[in-house]
Amino acid sequence: MTGLLTGLLPAWLGTQVSAFASAFDLATPWALLALPLPLLAARLLPAEPEGGSGALLVPGTLVGEARSGADLAARGRRRAALTWTLWAALVVALSGPRLVMPAAALPASGREIMIAMDLSGSMERRDFALDGETVTRLAAVKRVGTDFIRRRAGDRIGLVIFADQAYVAAAPSFDTAAVARALDEATIGISGRSTGIGDGLGLAMRRLDPRDAEAEASGAPPARLPAAKAVILLSDGANNAGQTAPKDVAALARELGIKVYTIALGPRDMADADGEQDVVDTETLRDMAQASGGEAFRVRTTDDLVRVADAIDRLEGGRAMAPPLPLRRDLWPWPAALALAAAAALLATRRGA
């Protein structure tokens, strides 16, 4: 029937009608069974006996002067039409007409990622390039890191900042825009100026979703499939603060099924520093990654940092488009408004009688 109707219409209008028909739906279609109830009631209920009405008998001469028979018949037809319009609109509104449209599919991976970022004083050093200008290490990390976070839509991501102490700058969340904003607002000095790598990694691991581990410890099956967990730890120095040894925390990460990706940031390594201060301990970061089953990366320039972000994005890939969720737009207010208008018209004609 829809195809026949659209074939009689212009092409552009037929396309619109076809799209509307395919998206149209009723929440409670069984409510339409109430449409013939007035007819059934008129047929099945006994007729009112003569003389049983309480109506006032008016002499025919007065009726004739007030209104002709044709006018009375027309008025009766109008009231009947309004009554049926009121009833049909109410029944259609009760049936819940709506448009069901698919929403845009979102990427989903089920991964949980914590970013642990070194915010010690050495991150102020200006030895990175960005847009042709020399910038601080922190500025380069913010540019690349915020872009990486925004690309991870569908992941549960959080941010830990560490220096003398570690703190959670952004709790794990699917709101990647909020986590990226927290990284962009990070300021050196808020948690000290030393480098507590072990504490930073430990806090990041604690903030990963603990429900799977709790279910496993209690012997109960997890409510959902365990999510892949990872920590991306970036540092430009050596561990000189905190209460925990970085390698010991990394070994614990393997037991908990958490991969640790380490990024050693800065142009010089501790192995060839020749007494230079604020150089990165590449060897310790590499050992941490190996102990956890992750990978270690070396970054000396902004281009290196971009390549590392892309590499980790691929390693923690596997995202697929989640099934689209239907969006429903209710249409019942329209027939309900028509019923209200019909009721108002009936009341007006009754008062004007």
Protein backbone atom coordinates (compact mmCIF):
# COMPACT_ATOMS: atom_id res chain seq x y z
CA MET A 1 0.00 0.00 0.00
CA THR A 2 2.82 2.39 0.87
CA GLY A 3 4.60 1.52 -2.37
CA LEU A 4 1.45 2.24 -4.39
CA LEU A 5 1.00 5.59 -2.64
CA THR A 6 4.60 6.69 -3.12
CA GLY A 7 4.40 5.69 -6.79
CA LEU A 8 1.63 8.25 -7.34
CA LEU A 9 3.59 11.08 -5.72
CA PRO A 10 6.54 13.12 -7.01
CA ALA A 11 9.92 11.44 -6.46
CA TRP A 12 11.08 13.76 -3.66
CA LEU A 13 7.76 13.57 -1.82
CA GLY A 14 7.54 9.81 -2.31
CA THR A 15 10.96 9.41 -0.70
CA GLN A 16 9.87 11.43 2.32
CA VAL A 17 6.62 9.46 2.69
CA SER A 18 8.47 6.15 2.39
CA ALA A 19 11.02 7.18 5.04
CA PHE A 20 8.24 8.30 7.40
CA ALA A 21 6.28 5.06 6.90
CA SER A 22 9.34 2.90 7.57
CA ALA A 23 10.10 4.80 10.80
CA PHE A 24 6.49 4.97 12.06
CA ASP A 25 5.55 2.74 14.98
CA LEU A 26 2.89 2.36 17.68
CA ALA A 27 3.82 1.80 21.32
CA THR A 28 0.46 0.16 22.17
CA PRO A 29 -1.21 -0.82 18.88
CA TRP A 30 -3.88 -2.85 20.70
CA ALA A 31 -5.41 0.45 21.85
CA LEU A 32 -6.79 0.89 18.31
CA LEU A 33 -9.26 -1.90 19.08
CA ALA A 34 -11.23 0.70 21.05
CA LEU A 35 -12.13 2.67 17.89
CA PRO A 36 -15.45 0.83 17.14
CA LEU A 37 -16.60 0.79 20.78
CA PRO A 38 -19.18 3.62 20.32
CA LEU A 39 -20.77 1.74 17.40
CA LEU A 40 -20.89 -1.47 19.44
CA ALA A 41 -22.38 0.42 22.38
CA ALA A 42 -25.09 1.99 20.17
CA ARG A 43 -25.94 -1.41 18.73
CA LEU A 44 -25.86 -3.52 21.87
CA LEU A 45 -27.18 -1.19 24.57
CA PRO A 46 -30.99 -1.00 24.86
CA ALA A 47 -32.66 2.10 23.45
CA GLU A 48 -33.98 4.66 25.86
CA PRO A 49 -37.75 4.25 26.34
CA GLU A 50 -40.05 7.01 25.20
CA GLY A 51 -40.87 9.45 27.91
CA GLY A 52 -37.82 8.50 29.90
CA SER A 53 -35.86 11.55 28.95
CA GLY A 54 -35.60 14.54 31.19
CA ALA A 55 -35.46 16.95 28.26
CA LEU A 56 -37.66 20.05 28.16
CA LEU A 57 -40.39 19.93 25.54
CA VAL A 58 -40.46 23.13 23.51
CA PRO A 59 -43.41 24.07 21.32
CA GLY A 60 -42.79 23.59 17.66
CA THR A 61 -43.65 27.18 16.84
CA LEU A 62 -40.75 28.42 18.96
CA VAL A 63 -38.37 25.89 17.42
CA GLY A 64 -39.43 26.91 13.96
CA GLU A 65 -38.84 30.56 14.73
CA ALA A 66 -35.43 29.88 16.23
CA ARG A 67 -33.96 27.52 13.70
CA SER A 68 -35.06 25.68 10.60
CA GLY A 69 -34.95 21.91 10.28
CA ALA A 70 -32.00 22.13 7.87
CA ASP A 71 -30.01 24.14 10.39
CA LEU A 72 -30.74 21.63 13.13
CA ALA A 73 -29.68 18.75 10.89
CA ALA A 74 -26.43 20.49 9.92
CA ARG A 75 -25.70 21.27 13.54
CA GLY A 76 -26.30 17.64 14.46
CA ARG A 77 -23.93 16.47 11.75
CA ARG A 78 -21.25 18.86 12.92
CA ARG A 79 -21.57 17.69 16.50
CA ALA A 80 -21.45 14.06 15.37
CA ALA A 81 -18.30 14.77 13.34
CA LEU A 82 -16.68 16.55 16.30
CA THR A 83 -17.64 13.70 18.63
CA TRP A 84 -16.10 11.08 16.36
CA THR A 85 -13.01 13.25 15.85
CA LEU A 86 -12.62 13.55 19.63
CA TRP A 87 -12.96 9.80 20.15
CA ALA A 88 -10.67 8.80 17.26
CA ALA A 89 -7.97 11.31 18.29
CA LEU A 90 -8.04 10.05 21.89
CA VAL A 91 -7.71 6.41 20.77
CA VAL A 92 -4.84 7.25 18.40
CA ALA A 93 -3.08 9.18 21.17
CA LEU A 94 -3.47 6.18 23.50
CA SER A 95 -1.92 3.91 20.86
CA GLY A 96 1.34 5.86 21.24
CA PRO A 97 2.34 6.84 17.70
CA ARG A 98 6.06 7.51 17.40
CA LEU A 99 8.96 7.66 14.99
CA VAL A 100 11.75 5.13 15.60
CA MET A 101 15.05 6.30 14.14
CA PRO A 102 18.46 4.65 14.56
CA ALA A 103 21.08 6.73 16.34
CA ALA A 104 24.60 7.08 15.05
CA ALA A 105 26.69 4.09 16.14
CA LEU A 106 29.46 4.87 18.61
CA PRO A 107 32.83 3.14 18.85
CA ALA A 108 33.10 0.70 21.74
CA SER A 109 36.07 -1.31 22.93
CA GLY A 110 35.53 -2.15 26.58
CA ARG A 111 39.03 -0.97 27.48
CA GLU A 112 40.02 0.84 30.64
CA ILE A 113 43.07 3.08 30.37
CA MET A 114 44.73 5.22 33.01
CA ILE A 115 47.25 7.83 31.95
CA ALA A 116 49.92 8.52 34.57
CA MET A 117 51.80 11.70 33.73
CA ASP A 118 54.97 13.08 35.30
CA LEU A 119 54.39 16.68 36.35
CA SER A 120 57.75 17.30 37.98
CA GLY A 121 59.75 20.49 37.53
CA SER A 122 61.77 19.11 34.62
CA MET A 123 58.65 19.17 32.44
CA GLU A 124 59.23 22.95 32.20
CA ARG A 125 62.36 22.49 30.12
CA ARG A 126 62.08 23.96 26.63
CA ASP A 127 63.58 21.36 24.33
CA PHE A 128 60.58 20.31 22.21
CA ALA A 129 59.22 21.91 19.03
CA LEU A 130 55.59 22.61 18.30
CA ASP A 131 54.28 24.45 15.23
CA GLY A 132 57.79 25.69 14.47
CA GLU A 133 58.39 27.09 17.96
CA THR A 134 60.38 25.80 20.91
CA VAL A 135 58.04 24.83 23.74
CA THR A 136 58.16 23.06 27.08
CA ARG A 137 57.90 19.31 27.34
CA LEU A 138 54.56 19.75 29.09
CA ALA A 139 53.11 21.78 26.21
CA ALA A 140 54.06 19.08 23.70
CA VAL A 141 52.60 16.35 25.91
CA LYS A 142 49.35 18.30 26.32
CA ARG A 143 48.94 18.74 22.56
CA VAL A 144 49.57 15.10 21.68
CA GLY A 145 47.97 13.65 24.81
CA THR A 146 44.64 15.49 24.50
CA ASP A 147 44.37 14.39 20.87
CA PHE A 148 45.06 10.78 21.89
CA ILE A 149 42.42 10.87 24.64
CA ARG A 150 39.74 12.32 22.37
CA ARG A 151 40.39 9.54 19.84
CA ARG A 152 39.62 6.90 22.47
CA ALA A 153 35.85 7.38 22.40
CA GLY A 154 34.27 4.22 23.80
CA ASP A 155 37.04 3.63 26.35
CA ARG A 156 36.94 4.36 30.06
CA ILE A 157 39.88 6.71 30.61
CA GLY A 158 41.29 8.47 33.65
CA LEU A 159 44.28 10.68 34.46
CA VAL A 160 46.78 10.52 37.32
CA ILE A 161 49.34 13.27 37.91
CA PHE A 162 52.46 12.52 39.92
CA ALA A 163 55.47 14.44 41.22
CA ASP A 164 56.28 14.48 44.96
CA GLN A 165 52.82 12.99 45.42
CA ALA A 166 50.31 11.38 43.11
CA TYR A 167 46.69 12.43 42.75
CA VAL A 168 43.78 11.69 40.45
CA ALA A 169 43.23 14.62 38.09
CA ALA A 170 40.33 12.89 36.30
CA ALA A 171 38.49 9.83 37.57
CA PRO A 172 38.04 7.04 35.01
CA SER A 173 35.17 8.01 32.74
CA PHE A 174 33.72 7.51 29.28
CA ASP A 175 33.67 11.30 28.98
CA THR A 176 36.92 11.58 27.03
CA ALA A 177 36.41 15.31 26.47
CA ALA A 178 36.44 15.94 30.24
CA VAL A 179 39.61 13.86 30.71
CA ALA A 180 41.32 15.70 27.85
CA ARG A 181 40.34 19.00 29.45
CA ALA A 182 41.84 17.88 32.78
CA LEU A 183 45.13 17.10 31.04
CA ASP A 184 45.12 20.46 29.28
CA GLU A 185 44.61 22.25 32.62
CA ALA A 186 47.44 20.42 34.44
CA THR A 187 49.97 22.80 36.02
CA ILE A 188 53.50 22.11 37.21
CA GLY A 189 54.04 22.52 40.94
CA ILE A 190 50.58 21.54 42.10
CA SER A 191 51.89 18.21 43.45
CA GLY A 192 55.55 19.11 43.98
CA ARG A 193 58.56 19.09 41.69
CA SER A 194 60.18 15.69 42.28
CA THR A 195 59.37 12.40 40.48
CA GLY A 196 57.49 9.61 42.27
CA ILE A 197 57.07 7.11 39.45
CA GLY A 198 56.16 4.15 41.66
CA ASP A 199 53.45 6.07 43.49
CA GLY A 200 52.02 7.39 40.23
CA LEU A 201 51.77 3.91 38.74
CA GLY A 202 50.35 2.45 41.93
CA LEU A 203 47.57 5.06 42.15
CA ALA A 204 46.71 4.59 38.48
CA MET A 205 46.38 0.83 39.01
CA ARG A 206 44.14 1.31 42.05
CA ARG A 207 41.77 3.53 40.09
CA LEU A 208 41.16 0.97 37.37
CA ASP A 209 37.75 -0.69 37.75
CA PRO A 210 38.14 -3.15 40.69
CA ARG A 211 34.88 -5.05 40.14
CA ASP A 212 36.42 -7.88 38.12
CA ALA A 213 39.15 -8.47 40.69
CA GLU A 214 36.63 -8.42 43.56
CA ALA A 215 34.39 -10.92 41.79
CA GLU A 216 37.35 -13.22 41.12
CA ALA A 217 38.48 -13.05 44.77
CA SER A 218 35.00 -13.90 46.03
CA GLY A 219 34.57 -16.77 43.58
CA ALA A 220 31.52 -15.14 41.99
CA PRO A 221 31.37 -14.82 38.21
CA PRO A 222 31.84 -11.23 36.99
CA ALA A 223 28.70 -9.40 35.91
CA ARG A 224 30.31 -8.73 32.54
CA LEU A 225 33.35 -9.73 30.53
CA PRO A 226 36.57 -8.42 32.11
CA ALA A 227 37.74 -5.24 30.43
CA ALA A 228 41.25 -4.93 29.03
CA LYS A 229 43.20 -2.68 31.39
CA ALA A 230 46.29 -0.61 30.67
CA VAL A 231 48.33 2.21 32.19
CA ILE A 232 50.23 4.65 29.98
CA LEU A 233 53.01 6.12 32.12
CA LEU A 234 55.03 9.09 30.89
CA SER A 235 58.09 10.41 32.69
CA ASP A 236 61.07 12.60 31.84
CA GLY A 237 63.10 11.85 34.94
CA ALA A 238 64.19 9.23 37.47
CA ASN A 239 62.30 7.99 40.52
CA ASN A 240 63.40 10.15 43.45
CA ALA A 241 60.24 10.44 45.55
CA GLY A 242 57.44 8.30 46.88
CA GLN A 243 57.17 5.18 48.99
CA THR A 244 57.12 2.40 46.37
CA ALA A 245 59.68 0.94 43.99
CA PRO A 246 58.60 1.30 40.34
CA LYS A 247 59.70 -2.20 39.31
CA ASP A 248 57.82 -3.83 42.19
CA VAL A 249 54.62 -2.02 41.25
CA ALA A 250 55.06 -3.05 37.61
CA ALA A 251 55.43 -6.69 38.66
CA LEU A 252 52.16 -6.39 40.58
CA ALA A 253 50.54 -4.99 37.45
CA ARG A 254 51.24 -8.24 35.60
CA GLU A 255 49.54 -10.24 38.37
CA LEU A 256 46.48 -8.00 38.08
CA GLY A 257 46.39 -8.30 34.30
CA ILE A 258 47.28 -4.66 33.71
CA LYS A 259 49.64 -3.75 30.88
CA VAL A 260 51.96 -0.82 31.46
CA TYR A 261 53.18 1.23 28.51
CA THR A 262 56.05 3.49 29.50
CA ILE A 263 57.19 6.58 27.61
CA ALA A 264 60.67 7.91 28.36
CA LEU A 265 60.57 11.62 27.47
CA GLY A 266 63.56 13.86 26.83
CA PRO A 267 66.63 14.10 24.59
CA ARG A 268 69.14 12.65 27.09
CA ASP A 269 69.26 9.32 28.96
CA MET A 270 70.61 8.76 32.45
CA ALA A 271 73.10 6.24 31.04
CA ASP A 272 74.92 8.92 28.99
CA ALA A 273 74.06 12.02 30.99
CA ASP A 274 77.62 12.72 32.23
CA GLY A 275 76.32 14.18 35.48
CA GLU A 276 73.55 16.20 33.86
CA GLN A 277 70.46 16.70 36.01
CA ASP A 278 66.80 16.07 35.07
CA VAL A 279 67.46 13.30 32.56
CA VAL A 280 65.17 10.36 31.98
CA ASP A 281 65.80 6.91 33.46
CA THR A 282 65.07 4.96 30.28
CA GLU A 283 66.36 1.67 31.67
CA THR A 284 63.98 1.63 34.65
CA LEU A 285 61.01 2.55 32.48
CA ARG A 286 61.91 -0.22 30.03
CA ASP A 287 62.16 -2.76 32.85
CA MET A 288 58.77 -1.67 34.19
CA ALA A 289 57.11 -2.23 30.81
CA GLN A 290 58.71 -5.65 30.42
CA ALA A 291 57.74 -6.69 33.95
CA SER A 292 54.08 -5.91 33.26
CA GLY A 293 53.91 -7.39 29.77
CA GLY A 294 53.62 -3.98 28.12
CA GLU A 295 55.98 -2.04 25.87
CA ALA A 296 58.47 0.78 26.37
CA PHE A 297 58.86 3.77 24.07
CA ARG A 298 61.59 6.37 23.70
CA VAL A 299 60.61 9.94 22.82
CA ARG A 300 63.16 12.66 22.01
CA THR A 301 61.07 14.96 19.80
CA THR A 302 57.45 15.95 19.28
CA ASP A 303 57.34 13.79 16.13
CA ASP A 304 58.45 10.81 18.24
CA LEU A 305 55.65 11.57 20.68
CA VAL A 306 53.05 11.61 17.90
CA ARG A 307 54.32 8.28 16.56
CA VAL A 308 54.20 6.71 20.03
CA ALA A 309 50.62 7.89 20.56
CA ASP A 310 49.62 6.34 17.24
CA ALA A 311 51.44 3.10 18.11
CA ILE A 312 49.68 2.77 21.49
CA ASP A 313 46.38 3.61 19.82
CA ARG A 314 46.93 0.65 17.49
CA LEU A 315 48.11 -1.67 20.27
CA GLU A 316 45.00 -0.87 22.32
CA GLY A 317 42.77 -0.93 19.26
CA GLY A 318 40.12 -3.45 18.39
CA ARG A 319 37.30 -0.95 18.62
CA ALA A 320 34.12 -1.72 16.71
CA MET A 321 30.94 0.16 16.13
CA ALA A 322 28.41 -0.62 18.83
CA PRO A 323 24.90 -1.59 17.71
CA PRO A 324 22.91 1.60 17.11
CA LEU A 325 20.30 2.35 19.73
CA PRO A 326 16.86 3.40 18.47
CA LEU A 327 15.79 6.95 19.17
CA ARG A 328 12.05 7.33 19.65
CA ARG A 329 10.20 10.56 18.99
CA ASP A 330 6.71 10.50 20.46
CA LEU A 331 3.90 11.81 18.26
CA TRP A 332 0.96 11.29 20.63
CA PRO A 333 0.79 14.98 21.66
CA TRP A 334 -0.52 15.83 18.18
CA PRO A 335 -3.64 13.63 18.26
CA ALA A 336 -4.10 14.57 21.92
CA ALA A 337 -4.13 18.26 20.92
CA LEU A 338 -6.65 17.48 18.18
CA ALA A 339 -8.89 15.74 20.74
CA LEU A 340 -8.67 18.78 23.03
CA ALA A 341 -9.60 21.08 20.15
CA ALA A 342 -12.57 18.86 19.24
CA ALA A 343 -13.75 18.88 22.86
CA ALA A 344 -13.54 22.67 22.98
CA ALA A 345 -15.52 22.93 19.74
CA LEU A 346 -18.21 20.60 21.11
CA LEU A 347 -18.50 22.72 24.23
CA ALA A 348 -18.78 25.89 22.13
CA THR A 349 -21.56 24.46 19.94
CA ARG A 350 -23.46 23.29 23.03
CA ARG A 351 -23.35 26.75 24.59
CA GLY A 352 -24.40 28.34 21.33
CA ALA A 353 -27.44 26.10 21.04
